[in-house]
Amino acid sequence: MLIGLGIRDVVLIETLDLAFGPGLTALTGETGAGKSIILDALGLAVGARADSGLLRRGATQAGATAVFAPNPDHAVWAYLDEKGLTYARDEDLVLRRTLSADGRSRAFVNDQATSVGVLKDLGALLLEVHGQHETVGLLDSRTHRPLLDAFGQVAAAPTAQAWSAWRAARERLAQVRDAAGRDAAEIEEITLRLAELERLNPQAGEETALAEERALLGSAEKALAEVSAARDAMGGDTLSNRLTKAFRALERAREKAVNAGVPLDSPSIGLLESAAESVDRALTESQEALAAIDAAARGFDFQPDQLEKTEERLFALRAMARKLGSAVEDLPQRRAEFAFRLRAVENSEALLAEAEKVEKAARETYIAAAQALSAERRAAGDRLAAAVMAELGPLKLDKARFRVAVEPLAEDRAGPTGLDRVGFEISTNPGAPFGDLAAIASGGELARFALALKAALAGRGQGAQPLMIFDEVDQGVGGAVADAVGLRLKRLAGAAQVLVVTHSPQVAARADAHWKIAKAGDGDRLRTTVETLSPTAREEEIARMLSGAQVTEAARAAARALMSAS
């Protein structure tokens, strides 16, 4: 829903801020008063093409700001996510654009700089325009299928699901065919690489374990070398032998002294015994020290070539990884991939036959679902055509005919939405061929036809936009036809916000809000003004529309009658 429009220096408008409400809003006024300026300003805000001619004379920059209040589940939020623009779903959406005298413009969404294309895309999601010179949406044949599907409430999900399954089956078949088509050289290469990996037998996490073991073994080898150096420094078994000889020599010296008559309690004998005891202790401690050193050496329990083997294994893994352009940790997965590829080649005929069978079944399922969807669309097209035809007579389009063309597409154009091209076609005169809307309908006819189609779609609760704009949809008609236009606009406004620029009193009388557009001033000071009319002022404006420049009492009475009937 559009809730506000700010206009700055656009054509005859210097400053204008408008607040919009729900339902049907009518914009009336004399020709040339500036009703189209308001629509031009709104178009500027939502990315319509613009040039420097929109600038008010003497101004350096024109600007338009449109404020919308979309529902929390509106498609605009997903679009803003896609474009990386910030927003809050419980706050207003503000689209702003400025236009300078050199024709350059700048675009903003919630005060974030963006492109005019983004504003245009957002405008397409937020509003529709139907008028004498353009009808946005209905002329684009890409919108016809979604509109028909929404009107007919067709079951499109089975076709989309079948399409996904068929696409997956086709991709699988292409992969199998690609594998089966590998040449002999590639088979030989795969076989060689797989044999190398089988011999190497890489394990998950092996590189890390080997690197840790290598570091540990390297440190242990260095430590063992130091232990050996310690044993060598003590003299090893040589020290024990020498101490043993020293002890025996001291014992023999004691015996000879005693044999020579030296008393046992003499100081000399005591000193020899003390020396022998010291040497004996040294012998015992040296033997214990050597035993401890040997025990420490045995603590580093690894084979002499264990470090070499660990390094060879680690280097072999890394060399294979370099050859395959992989990380060592990925070698087990590469081994599995080579095995799968080799099996795929060796079993290509069986795999190919199975993949073709699956693809054929998936295709048949999709074709059946698409054909069922086509039948639903044709039935829905007949119902929509009947509903639109019922709307054409009252709108003075009774000679026109409408149909929904549901034509089959070639299979190579299949997609999740089926195998149909859907087009809305009309014939404006008896005997004339059917054709696209843009090629057949005149400006006035097209605007009224858009109204008829939207009324038919809205009759099924489908097709309504949050904001719909009709620009002089009642051009060239009056009386009962104008009343029929007003009635349908009023009906649309029950489910959507509708703005209508009109010269028809019958249409204006049905509005929920009525704005009068006027031109004030003279010469270079002309400007456009907008007045929200009270019930009394509405009666006077509708009377003017009925009678012209001279408003009569009869016209006022007729205006009251129209307003009361609406």
Protein backbone atom coordinates (compact mmCIF):
# COMPACT_ATOMS: atom_id res chain seq x y z
CA MET A 1 0.00 0.00 0.00
CA LEU A 2 1.22 3.50 -0.91
CA ILE A 3 0.90 5.76 2.12
CA GLY A 4 2.79 8.87 1.05
CA LEU A 5 4.26 10.72 -1.94
CA GLY A 6 6.60 13.68 -1.65
CA ILE A 7 7.22 15.78 -4.77
CA ARG A 8 9.86 18.50 -5.12
CA ASP A 9 10.31 20.74 -8.19
CA VAL A 10 8.58 18.47 -10.70
CA VAL A 11 7.09 20.41 -13.67
CA LEU A 12 4.52 22.74 -12.03
CA ILE A 13 4.87 21.36 -8.51
CA GLU A 14 7.32 23.12 -6.23
CA THR A 15 6.55 21.27 -3.00
CA LEU A 16 3.77 18.79 -2.44
CA ASP A 17 3.29 16.05 0.16
CA LEU A 18 0.39 13.66 -0.29
CA ALA A 19 -0.98 11.06 2.13
CA PHE A 20 -2.84 8.08 0.66
CA GLY A 21 -5.45 5.86 2.24
CA PRO A 22 -6.94 2.50 1.32
CA GLY A 23 -9.73 1.92 -1.17
CA LEU A 24 -10.46 3.99 -4.28
CA THR A 25 -8.94 7.47 -4.66
CA ALA A 26 -10.14 9.64 -7.56
CA LEU A 27 -8.02 12.46 -9.04
CA THR A 28 -10.06 14.96 -11.03
CA GLY A 29 -9.55 18.40 -12.49
CA GLU A 30 -9.53 20.36 -15.70
CA THR A 31 -7.41 19.15 -18.60
CA GLY A 32 -3.86 20.43 -18.14
CA ALA A 33 -4.25 21.01 -14.43
CA GLY A 34 -1.43 18.60 -13.67
CA LYS A 35 -3.03 15.26 -12.82
CA SER A 36 -0.44 13.44 -14.90
CA ILE A 37 2.35 15.24 -13.05
CA ILE A 38 1.48 13.35 -9.88
CA LEU A 39 1.65 10.05 -11.74
CA ASP A 40 4.91 11.14 -13.39
CA ALA A 41 6.36 11.93 -9.97
CA LEU A 42 5.29 8.53 -8.65
CA GLY A 43 6.82 6.93 -11.72
CA LEU A 44 10.06 8.79 -11.05
CA ALA A 45 10.17 7.33 -7.54
CA VAL A 46 9.65 3.76 -8.77
CA GLY A 47 12.25 3.80 -11.53
CA ALA A 48 10.31 4.93 -14.60
CA ARG A 49 12.22 6.50 -17.46
CA ALA A 50 12.68 10.22 -16.91
CA ASP A 51 14.43 13.19 -18.48
CA SER A 52 15.28 16.74 -17.52
CA GLY A 53 11.91 17.92 -18.87
CA LEU A 54 10.41 16.92 -15.51
CA LEU A 55 12.35 19.69 -13.72
CA ARG A 56 10.37 22.73 -12.68
CA ARG A 57 11.56 25.83 -14.48
CA GLY A 58 14.38 27.47 -12.53
CA ALA A 59 15.04 24.42 -10.34
CA THR A 60 18.36 22.57 -10.33
CA GLN A 61 17.04 19.23 -9.11
CA ALA A 62 13.71 17.41 -9.07
CA GLY A 63 12.88 14.75 -6.52
CA ALA A 64 10.15 12.26 -5.67
CA THR A 65 9.78 10.08 -2.58
CA ALA A 66 7.25 7.26 -2.39
CA VAL A 67 6.51 5.64 0.97
CA PHE A 68 5.00 2.14 0.98
CA ALA A 69 3.78 -0.10 3.80
CA PRO A 70 4.07 -3.66 2.36
CA ASN A 71 2.75 -6.68 4.23
CA PRO A 72 5.33 -8.68 6.23
CA ASP A 73 5.16 -11.52 3.68
CA HIS A 74 5.40 -9.27 0.60
CA ALA A 75 7.85 -10.29 -2.15
CA VAL A 76 9.74 -6.99 -1.86
CA TRP A 77 11.49 -8.16 1.32
CA ALA A 78 13.02 -11.19 -0.40
CA TYR A 79 14.13 -8.92 -3.25
CA LEU A 80 15.80 -6.51 -0.81
CA ASP A 81 17.61 -9.48 0.76
CA GLU A 82 18.83 -10.50 -2.69
CA LYS A 83 20.20 -7.02 -3.31
CA GLY A 84 21.80 -6.72 0.13
CA LEU A 85 19.66 -3.74 1.19
CA THR A 86 18.73 -3.34 4.85
CA TYR A 87 15.15 -2.95 6.03
CA ALA A 88 12.72 -3.73 8.84
CA ARG A 89 9.48 -5.50 7.98
CA ASP A 90 7.57 -3.55 10.61
CA GLU A 91 8.69 -0.21 9.14
CA ASP A 92 7.85 1.69 5.96
CA LEU A 93 9.69 1.15 2.68
CA VAL A 94 10.93 4.45 1.25
CA LEU A 95 11.86 4.77 -2.43
CA ARG A 96 13.48 8.05 -3.44
CA ARG A 97 14.92 9.43 -6.63
CA THR A 98 16.45 12.72 -7.65
CA LEU A 99 16.86 14.10 -11.16
CA SER A 100 19.31 16.86 -12.12
CA ALA A 101 19.19 19.30 -15.02
CA ASP A 102 21.71 17.26 -17.04
CA GLY A 103 19.38 14.25 -16.96
CA ARG A 104 21.35 12.30 -14.37
CA SER A 105 19.44 10.69 -11.56
CA ARG A 106 20.21 9.04 -8.24
CA ALA A 107 18.18 6.30 -6.58
CA PHE A 108 17.76 5.39 -2.91
CA VAL A 109 15.97 2.67 -0.94
CA ASN A 110 15.55 3.51 2.75
CA ASP A 111 18.25 6.16 2.20
CA GLN A 112 20.68 3.55 0.82
CA ALA A 113 22.10 4.43 -2.58
CA THR A 114 21.12 1.93 -5.28
CA SER A 115 20.42 1.76 -9.00
CA VAL A 116 17.39 2.95 -10.93
CA GLY A 117 16.96 -0.67 -12.03
CA VAL A 118 16.37 -1.69 -8.40
CA LEU A 119 13.69 1.00 -8.05
CA LYS A 120 12.08 -0.27 -11.25
CA ASP A 121 12.05 -3.86 -10.00
CA LEU A 122 10.56 -2.78 -6.69
CA GLY A 123 7.95 -0.72 -8.51
CA ALA A 124 6.95 -3.77 -10.55
CA LEU A 125 6.36 -5.65 -7.28
CA LEU A 126 4.48 -2.83 -5.58
CA LEU A 127 2.12 -1.40 -8.22
CA GLU A 128 0.47 -1.76 -11.61
CA VAL A 129 -0.23 1.05 -14.06
CA HIS A 130 -2.99 0.91 -16.67
CA GLY A 131 -3.56 3.91 -18.87
CA GLN A 132 -3.98 5.45 -22.28
CA HIS A 133 -0.33 5.02 -23.20
CA GLU A 134 0.92 2.11 -21.16
CA THR A 135 -0.23 -0.91 -19.29
CA VAL A 136 2.47 -2.30 -17.06
CA GLY A 137 2.20 -6.00 -16.43
CA LEU A 138 -0.54 -7.25 -18.71
CA LEU A 139 1.38 -6.47 -21.90
CA ASP A 140 4.24 -8.64 -20.66
CA SER A 141 3.35 -12.17 -21.75
CA ARG A 142 5.58 -13.53 -18.99
CA THR A 143 2.91 -12.48 -16.48
CA HIS A 144 0.08 -14.36 -18.20
CA ARG A 145 0.93 -17.85 -17.02
CA PRO A 146 1.28 -16.87 -13.32
CA LEU A 147 -2.00 -14.92 -13.54
CA LEU A 148 -3.80 -17.88 -15.11
CA ASP A 149 -2.35 -20.32 -12.59
CA ALA A 150 -3.42 -18.08 -9.72
CA PHE A 151 -6.91 -17.66 -11.19
CA GLY A 152 -7.37 -21.38 -11.80
CA GLN A 153 -5.58 -22.43 -8.60
CA VAL A 154 -3.91 -25.13 -10.68
CA ALA A 155 -1.84 -27.86 -9.04
CA ALA A 156 1.61 -26.91 -10.31
CA ALA A 157 3.65 -28.56 -7.52
CA PRO A 158 3.66 -32.13 -8.99
CA THR A 159 5.10 -30.81 -12.25
CA ALA A 160 7.82 -28.85 -10.45
CA GLN A 161 8.73 -31.91 -8.39
CA ALA A 162 8.76 -34.16 -11.46
CA TRP A 163 10.96 -31.62 -13.24
CA SER A 164 13.49 -31.67 -10.41
CA ALA A 165 13.61 -35.48 -10.50
CA TRP A 166 13.98 -35.54 -14.30
CA ARG A 167 16.73 -32.94 -14.25
CA ALA A 168 18.63 -34.92 -11.60
CA ALA A 169 18.23 -38.10 -13.68
CA ARG A 170 19.52 -36.33 -16.81
CA GLU A 171 22.54 -35.02 -14.93
CA ARG A 172 23.29 -38.51 -13.60
CA LEU A 173 22.96 -39.99 -17.08
CA ALA A 174 25.34 -37.36 -18.47
CA GLN A 175 27.89 -38.22 -15.77
CA VAL A 176 27.67 -41.96 -16.53
CA ARG A 177 28.01 -41.34 -20.26
CA ASP A 178 31.00 -39.13 -19.64
CA ALA A 179 32.66 -41.82 -17.52
CA ALA A 180 31.86 -44.50 -20.09
CA GLY A 181 33.39 -42.43 -22.86
CA ARG A 182 36.82 -42.14 -21.34
CA ASP A 183 39.60 -43.29 -23.67
CA ALA A 184 42.05 -46.12 -23.10
CA ALA A 185 44.84 -43.78 -22.07
CA GLU A 186 42.72 -42.38 -19.26
CA ILE A 187 41.73 -45.88 -18.14
CA GLU A 188 45.41 -46.82 -18.02
CA GLU A 189 46.18 -43.68 -16.04
CA ILE A 190 43.38 -44.36 -13.56
CA THR A 191 44.50 -47.97 -13.17
CA LEU A 192 48.11 -46.93 -12.55
CA ARG A 193 47.19 -44.30 -9.99
CA LEU A 194 44.81 -46.64 -8.21
CA ALA A 195 47.51 -49.37 -8.04
CA GLU A 196 49.95 -46.87 -6.54
CA LEU A 197 47.42 -45.81 -3.94
CA GLU A 198 46.51 -49.42 -3.18
CA ARG A 199 50.19 -50.19 -2.52
CA LEU A 200 50.63 -47.05 -0.48
CA ASN A 201 47.36 -47.66 1.39
CA PRO A 202 47.06 -44.14 2.89
CA GLN A 203 45.04 -43.84 6.06
CA ALA A 204 43.01 -40.97 7.44
CA GLY A 205 45.08 -38.81 9.77
CA GLU A 206 48.28 -40.71 8.96
CA GLU A 207 50.36 -37.69 7.99
CA THR A 208 49.81 -36.01 11.35
CA ALA A 209 50.63 -39.21 13.24
CA LEU A 210 53.81 -39.82 11.22
CA ALA A 211 54.97 -36.24 11.61
CA GLU A 212 54.52 -36.49 15.38
CA GLU A 213 56.33 -39.86 15.49
CA ARG A 214 59.16 -38.48 13.37
CA ALA A 215 59.63 -35.55 15.72
CA LEU A 216 59.58 -37.87 18.76
CA LEU A 217 62.05 -40.34 17.25
CA GLY A 218 64.38 -37.56 16.21
CA SER A 219 64.45 -36.22 19.74
CA ALA A 220 64.88 -39.71 21.23
CA GLU A 221 67.83 -40.46 18.95
CA LYS A 222 69.57 -37.29 20.05
CA ALA A 223 68.92 -38.11 23.72
CA LEU A 224 70.29 -41.65 23.30
CA ALA A 225 73.46 -40.27 21.78
CA GLU A 226 73.97 -38.13 24.87
CA VAL A 227 73.43 -41.15 27.15
CA SER A 228 76.06 -43.07 25.20
CA ALA A 229 78.39 -40.10 25.57
CA ALA A 230 77.83 -40.21 29.34
CA ARG A 231 78.77 -43.93 29.48
CA ASP A 232 81.84 -43.30 27.39
CA ALA A 233 82.84 -40.43 29.64
CA MET A 234 82.77 -42.76 32.66
CA GLY A 235 85.03 -45.19 30.89
CA GLY A 236 82.43 -47.91 30.66
CA ASP A 237 83.63 -51.41 31.74
CA THR A 238 87.28 -50.20 31.72
CA LEU A 239 86.61 -48.19 34.88
CA SER A 240 85.30 -51.26 36.71
CA ASN A 241 88.28 -53.35 35.61
CA ARG A 242 90.74 -50.74 36.83
CA LEU A 243 88.99 -50.35 40.18
CA THR A 244 89.00 -54.13 40.59
CA LYS A 245 92.75 -54.26 39.91
CA ALA A 246 93.31 -51.41 42.39
CA PHE A 247 91.33 -53.24 45.09
CA ARG A 248 93.25 -56.49 44.59
CA ALA A 249 96.57 -54.64 44.64
CA LEU A 250 95.68 -53.07 47.98
CA GLU A 251 94.68 -56.47 49.34
CA ARG A 252 98.01 -57.97 48.27
CA ALA A 253 99.89 -55.05 49.89
CA ARG A 254 98.14 -55.74 53.21
CA GLU A 255 99.00 -59.42 53.07
CA LYS A 256 102.67 -58.71 52.35
CA ALA A 257 102.86 -56.18 55.20
CA VAL A 258 101.35 -58.63 57.66
CA ASN A 259 103.69 -61.39 56.44
CA ALA A 260 106.60 -59.01 56.98
CA GLY A 261 105.70 -58.73 60.66
CA VAL A 262 103.75 -55.47 60.63
CA PRO A 263 101.23 -55.68 63.46
CA LEU A 264 97.55 -55.81 62.41
CA ASP A 265 96.74 -52.90 64.67
CA SER A 266 99.43 -50.71 63.28
CA PRO A 267 98.48 -47.46 61.51
CA SER A 268 99.93 -48.72 58.22
CA ILE A 269 97.68 -51.74 58.14
CA GLY A 270 94.68 -49.52 59.03
CA LEU A 271 95.40 -47.12 56.18
CA LEU A 272 95.69 -49.98 53.66
CA GLU A 273 92.37 -51.43 54.83
CA SER A 274 90.70 -47.95 54.61
CA ALA A 275 92.00 -47.44 51.08
CA ALA A 276 90.76 -50.89 50.01
CA GLU A 277 87.32 -50.16 51.42
CA SER A 278 87.15 -46.82 49.50
CA VAL A 279 88.14 -48.48 46.25
CA ASP A 280 85.56 -51.21 46.88
CA ARG A 281 82.86 -48.60 47.40
CA ALA A 282 83.91 -46.76 44.24
CA LEU A 283 83.77 -50.05 42.33
CA THR A 284 80.26 -50.75 43.60
CA GLU A 285 78.99 -47.23 42.84
CA SER A 286 80.57 -47.16 39.38
CA GLN A 287 78.87 -50.45 38.54
CA GLU A 288 75.57 -49.07 39.81
CA ALA A 289 76.05 -45.88 37.75
CA LEU A 290 76.77 -47.85 34.60
CA ALA A 291 73.70 -50.04 35.25
CA ALA A 292 71.57 -46.88 35.62
CA ILE A 293 72.96 -45.44 32.39
CA ASP A 294 72.24 -48.69 30.57
CA ALA A 295 68.70 -48.68 31.98
CA ALA A 296 68.20 -45.11 30.75
CA ALA A 297 69.38 -46.15 27.29
CA ARG A 298 66.95 -49.06 27.26
CA GLY A 299 64.16 -46.56 28.09
CA PHE A 300 64.42 -45.22 24.52
CA ASP A 301 62.92 -48.39 23.12
CA PHE A 302 62.87 -48.17 19.28
CA GLN A 303 64.42 -50.04 16.47
CA PRO A 304 67.60 -48.54 15.09
CA ASP A 305 65.98 -47.99 11.64
CA GLN A 306 62.58 -46.91 12.97
CA LEU A 307 63.16 -43.20 12.31
CA GLU A 308 64.34 -43.95 8.80
CA LYS A 309 61.24 -46.03 8.07
CA THR A 310 58.95 -43.36 9.50
CA GLU A 311 60.54 -40.69 7.32
CA GLU A 312 60.36 -42.88 4.23
CA ARG A 313 56.62 -43.45 4.81
CA LEU A 314 55.95 -39.76 5.40
CA PHE A 315 57.92 -38.69 2.34
CA ALA A 316 56.18 -41.32 0.18
CA LEU A 317 52.74 -40.00 1.20
CA ARG A 318 53.75 -36.42 0.48
CA ALA A 319 55.27 -37.34 -2.89
CA MET A 320 52.02 -39.07 -3.93
CA ALA A 321 50.01 -36.06 -2.82
CA ARG A 322 52.17 -33.77 -4.96
CA LYS A 323 51.80 -36.08 -7.94
CA LEU A 324 48.01 -36.00 -7.66
CA GLY A 325 47.81 -32.31 -6.76
CA SER A 326 46.08 -33.12 -3.49
CA ALA A 327 46.63 -32.79 0.21
CA VAL A 328 47.97 -35.88 1.98
CA GLU A 329 44.79 -36.03 4.07
CA ASP A 330 42.76 -36.31 0.83
CA LEU A 331 44.61 -39.38 -0.47
CA PRO A 332 42.12 -41.92 0.95
CA GLN A 333 39.30 -40.01 -0.76
CA ARG A 334 41.26 -39.87 -4.03
CA ARG A 335 41.78 -43.60 -3.79
CA ALA A 336 38.02 -44.08 -3.44
CA GLU A 337 37.39 -41.72 -6.37
CA PHE A 338 39.80 -43.60 -8.65
CA ALA A 339 38.19 -46.87 -7.64
CA PHE A 340 34.73 -45.48 -8.39
CA ARG A 341 35.83 -44.10 -11.74
CA LEU A 342 37.45 -47.38 -12.69
CA ARG A 343 34.34 -49.32 -11.68
CA ALA A 344 32.23 -46.85 -13.63
CA VAL A 345 34.30 -47.50 -16.74
CA GLU A 346 34.45 -51.25 -16.22
CA ASN A 347 30.72 -51.44 -15.49
CA SER A 348 29.77 -48.69 -17.92
CA GLU A 349 27.27 -50.72 -19.89
CA ALA A 350 25.30 -51.77 -16.82
CA LEU A 351 25.51 -48.33 -15.25
CA LEU A 352 24.54 -46.65 -18.50
CA ALA A 353 21.55 -48.93 -18.98
CA GLU A 354 20.36 -48.26 -15.43
CA ALA A 355 20.84 -44.49 -15.75
CA GLU A 356 18.94 -44.47 -19.06
CA LYS A 357 16.13 -46.45 -17.47
CA VAL A 358 15.87 -44.01 -14.56
CA GLU A 359 16.01 -41.00 -16.89
CA LYS A 360 13.30 -42.44 -19.15
CA ALA A 361 10.99 -43.11 -16.20
CA ALA A 362 11.60 -39.61 -14.80
CA ARG A 363 10.87 -38.06 -18.20
CA GLU A 364 7.64 -39.99 -18.57
CA THR A 365 6.56 -38.91 -15.09
CA TYR A 366 7.33 -35.29 -15.92
CA ILE A 367 5.54 -35.40 -19.29
CA ALA A 368 2.45 -36.90 -17.63
CA ALA A 369 2.47 -34.24 -14.91
CA ALA A 370 3.01 -31.45 -17.47
CA GLN A 371 0.17 -32.73 -19.63
CA ALA A 372 -2.15 -32.87 -16.64
CA LEU A 373 -1.10 -29.31 -15.79
CA SER A 374 -1.79 -28.23 -19.38
CA ALA A 375 -5.29 -29.68 -19.18
CA GLU A 376 -5.89 -27.77 -15.95
CA ARG A 377 -4.66 -24.58 -17.56
CA ARG A 378 -6.87 -24.99 -20.62
CA ALA A 379 -9.89 -25.48 -18.38
CA ALA A 380 -8.88 -22.49 -16.26
CA GLY A 381 -8.33 -20.49 -19.47
CA ASP A 382 -11.87 -21.23 -20.60
CA ARG A 383 -13.24 -20.09 -17.25
CA LEU A 384 -11.14 -16.92 -17.29
CA ALA A 385 -12.18 -16.15 -20.87
CA ALA A 386 -15.85 -16.50 -19.91
CA ALA A 387 -15.35 -14.26 -16.87
CA VAL A 388 -13.58 -11.59 -18.93
CA MET A 389 -16.19 -11.75 -21.70
CA ALA A 390 -18.88 -11.10 -19.09
CA GLU A 391 -17.03 -7.91 -18.12
CA LEU A 392 -16.47 -6.59 -21.66
CA GLY A 393 -20.07 -5.75 -22.62
CA PRO A 394 -20.72 -3.25 -19.82
CA LEU A 395 -17.38 -1.58 -20.65
CA LYS A 396 -18.42 -0.90 -24.27
CA LEU A 397 -16.16 -3.65 -25.54
CA ASP A 398 -19.05 -5.93 -26.53
CA LYS A 399 -17.61 -6.51 -30.01
CA ALA A 400 -14.31 -7.70 -28.59
CA ARG A 401 -13.50 -11.31 -27.90
CA PHE A 402 -10.96 -12.65 -25.46
CA ARG A 403 -9.27 -16.00 -25.19
CA VAL A 404 -6.45 -17.63 -23.28
CA ALA A 405 -4.06 -19.40 -25.62
CA VAL A 406 -2.36 -22.40 -23.98
CA GLU A 407 0.12 -23.66 -26.54
CA PRO A 408 2.57 -26.55 -26.15
CA LEU A 409 6.28 -25.83 -26.00
CA ALA A 410 9.00 -27.99 -27.48
CA GLU A 411 10.42 -30.49 -25.04
CA ASP A 412 13.78 -28.72 -25.06
CA ARG A 413 12.02 -25.76 -23.44
CA ALA A 414 10.64 -27.83 -20.59
CA GLY A 415 10.88 -26.40 -17.11
CA PRO A 416 9.40 -26.58 -13.62
CA THR A 417 6.31 -24.69 -14.76
CA GLY A 418 5.46 -27.19 -17.46
CA LEU A 419 5.36 -27.26 -21.25
CA ASP A 420 2.97 -24.40 -21.97
CA ARG A 421 3.15 -20.94 -23.42
CA VAL A 422 0.24 -18.97 -22.02
CA GLY A 423 -0.91 -15.81 -23.76
CA PHE A 424 -3.89 -13.49 -23.38
CA GLU A 425 -5.26 -12.65 -26.82
CA ILE A 426 -8.09 -10.44 -28.05
CA SER A 427 -9.97 -9.66 -31.20
CA THR A 428 -11.54 -6.21 -31.13
CA ASN A 429 -13.88 -6.64 -34.11
CA PRO A 430 -16.01 -9.50 -35.44
CA GLY A 431 -14.07 -11.59 -37.91
CA ALA A 432 -10.73 -10.05 -36.97
CA PRO A 433 -8.01 -12.51 -35.98
CA PHE A 434 -6.88 -12.88 -32.40
CA GLY A 435 -3.60 -11.24 -31.46
CA ASP A 436 -1.49 -10.09 -28.54
CA LEU A 437 -2.88 -7.33 -26.36
CA ALA A 438 -0.23 -4.80 -27.33
CA ALA A 439 -0.73 -5.35 -31.06
CA ILE A 440 -4.53 -5.23 -31.11
CA ALA A 441 -5.96 -2.92 -28.48
CA SER A 442 -6.01 0.87 -28.77
CA GLY A 443 -5.07 2.99 -25.76
CA GLY A 444 -8.61 3.43 -24.42
CA GLU A 445 -9.61 -0.12 -25.22
CA LEU A 446 -6.48 -1.47 -23.58
CA ALA A 447 -7.10 0.41 -20.34
CA ARG A 448 -10.71 -0.79 -20.17
CA PHE A 449 -9.70 -4.29 -21.16
CA ALA A 450 -7.13 -4.29 -18.34
CA LEU A 451 -9.93 -3.27 -15.99
CA ALA A 452 -12.12 -6.11 -17.26
CA LEU A 453 -9.33 -8.64 -16.83
CA LYS A 454 -8.39 -7.41 -13.37
CA ALA A 455 -12.07 -7.46 -12.38
CA ALA A 456 -12.38 -11.06 -13.57
CA LEU A 457 -9.22 -12.09 -11.74
CA ALA A 458 -10.28 -10.28 -8.58
CA GLY A 459 -13.63 -12.03 -8.79
CA ARG A 460 -11.78 -15.23 -7.95
CA GLY A 461 -9.73 -13.53 -5.26
CA GLN A 462 -6.66 -13.51 -7.49
CA GLY A 463 -4.60 -10.98 -9.37
CA ALA A 464 -4.99 -7.92 -7.16
CA GLN A 465 -1.91 -5.79 -6.55
CA PRO A 466 -1.42 -3.69 -3.39
CA LEU A 467 -1.62 -0.59 -5.63
CA MET A 468 -3.32 -0.30 -9.01
CA ILE A 469 -3.36 2.92 -11.03
CA PHE A 470 -5.82 3.59 -13.86
CA ASP A 471 -5.11 6.71 -15.91
CA GLU A 472 -8.24 7.97 -17.73
CA VAL A 473 -9.59 4.46 -18.16
CA ASP A 474 -12.97 6.08 -18.88
CA GLN A 475 -11.67 8.10 -21.83
CA GLY A 476 -14.29 8.38 -24.58
CA VAL A 477 -17.12 6.74 -22.66
CA GLY A 478 -19.95 8.03 -20.51
CA GLY A 479 -23.30 7.19 -19.02
CA ALA A 480 -23.84 3.51 -18.27
CA VAL A 481 -20.36 2.57 -19.50
CA ALA A 482 -18.69 5.09 -17.21
CA ASP A 483 -20.84 3.80 -14.36
CA ALA A 484 -19.72 0.24 -15.18
CA VAL A 485 -16.10 1.43 -15.06
CA GLY A 486 -16.69 3.03 -11.68
CA LEU A 487 -18.41 -0.07 -10.35
CA ARG A 488 -15.50 -2.31 -11.32
CA LEU A 489 -12.94 0.09 -9.92
CA LYS A 490 -14.89 0.14 -6.66
CA ARG A 491 -14.95 -3.67 -6.64
CA LEU A 492 -11.18 -3.83 -7.17
CA ALA A 493 -10.65 -1.31 -4.38
CA GLY A 494 -12.23 -3.74 -1.95
CA ALA A 495 -9.10 -5.92 -2.15
CA ALA A 496 -6.49 -3.43 -3.30
CA GLN A 497 -5.56 0.23 -3.20
CA VAL A 498 -6.72 1.88 -6.43
CA LEU A 499 -5.89 5.33 -7.84
CA VAL A 500 -7.84 6.58 -10.85
CA VAL A 501 -7.33 9.73 -12.91
CA THR A 502 -10.77 10.41 -14.31
CA HIS A 503 -12.99 12.89 -16.11
CA SER A 504 -16.07 10.81 -15.41
CA PRO A 505 -18.47 11.93 -12.66
CA GLN A 506 -19.80 8.38 -12.43
CA VAL A 507 -16.30 7.12 -11.57
CA ALA A 508 -15.46 9.98 -9.20
CA ALA A 509 -18.73 9.50 -7.33
CA ARG A 510 -17.70 5.99 -6.28
CA ALA A 511 -14.36 7.07 -4.78
CA ASP A 512 -13.55 6.67 -1.10
CA ALA A 513 -11.31 9.75 -1.35
CA HIS A 514 -11.50 12.55 -3.92
CA TRP A 515 -8.64 14.88 -4.83
CA LYS A 516 -9.08 17.91 -7.02
CA ILE A 517 -6.06 18.92 -9.08
CA ALA A 518 -5.92 22.58 -10.11
CA LYS A 519 -3.50 25.06 -11.64
CA ALA A 520 -2.97 28.35 -9.82
CA GLY A 521 -1.05 31.53 -10.52
CA ASP A 522 -0.19 33.13 -13.82
CA GLY A 523 2.75 33.49 -16.18
CA ASP A 524 5.95 32.05 -14.79
CA ARG A 525 4.32 31.48 -11.39
CA LEU A 526 1.93 28.71 -12.45
CA ARG A 527 1.80 25.83 -10.03
CA THR A 528 -0.26 22.71 -9.47
CA THR A 529 -2.25 22.31 -6.28
CA VAL A 530 -4.02 19.30 -4.78
CA GLU A 531 -7.13 19.67 -2.61
CA THR A 532 -8.68 16.82 -0.64
CA LEU A 533 -12.38 17.40 -1.06
CA SER A 534 -14.95 17.35 1.72
CA PRO A 535 -18.38 15.81 0.97
CA THR A 536 -19.74 19.25 0.09
CA ALA A 537 -16.76 20.10 -2.12
CA ARG A 538 -17.04 16.68 -3.76
CA GLU A 539 -20.64 17.41 -4.70
CA GLU A 540 -19.60 20.69 -6.27
CA GLU A 541 -16.71 19.08 -8.22
CA ILE A 542 -18.89 16.24 -9.52
CA ALA A 543 -21.53 18.78 -10.51
CA ARG A 544 -18.85 20.69 -12.44
CA MET A 545 -17.85 17.49 -14.18
CA LEU A 546 -21.51 16.95 -15.14
CA SER A 547 -22.35 20.43 -16.36
CA GLY A 548 -19.08 22.08 -17.38
CA ALA A 549 -18.00 25.62 -16.48
CA GLN A 550 -21.49 26.73 -15.35
CA VAL A 551 -22.59 24.60 -12.39
CA THR A 552 -26.38 24.40 -12.20
CA GLU A 553 -28.69 23.25 -9.45
CA ALA A 554 -29.74 20.40 -11.67
CA ALA A 555 -26.10 19.34 -11.90
CA ARG A 556 -25.76 19.52 -8.12
CA ALA A 557 -28.84 17.39 -7.72
CA ALA A 558 -27.47 14.89 -10.19
CA ALA A 559 -24.16 14.87 -8.31
CA ARG A 560 -25.95 14.14 -5.04
CA ALA A 561 -27.82 11.32 -6.72
CA LEU A 562 -24.61 9.77 -8.04
CA MET A 563 -22.91 10.02 -4.67
CA SER A 564 -25.84 8.51 -2.79
CA ALA A 565 -26.10 5.67 -5.33
CA SER A 566 -22.43 4.86 -4.87
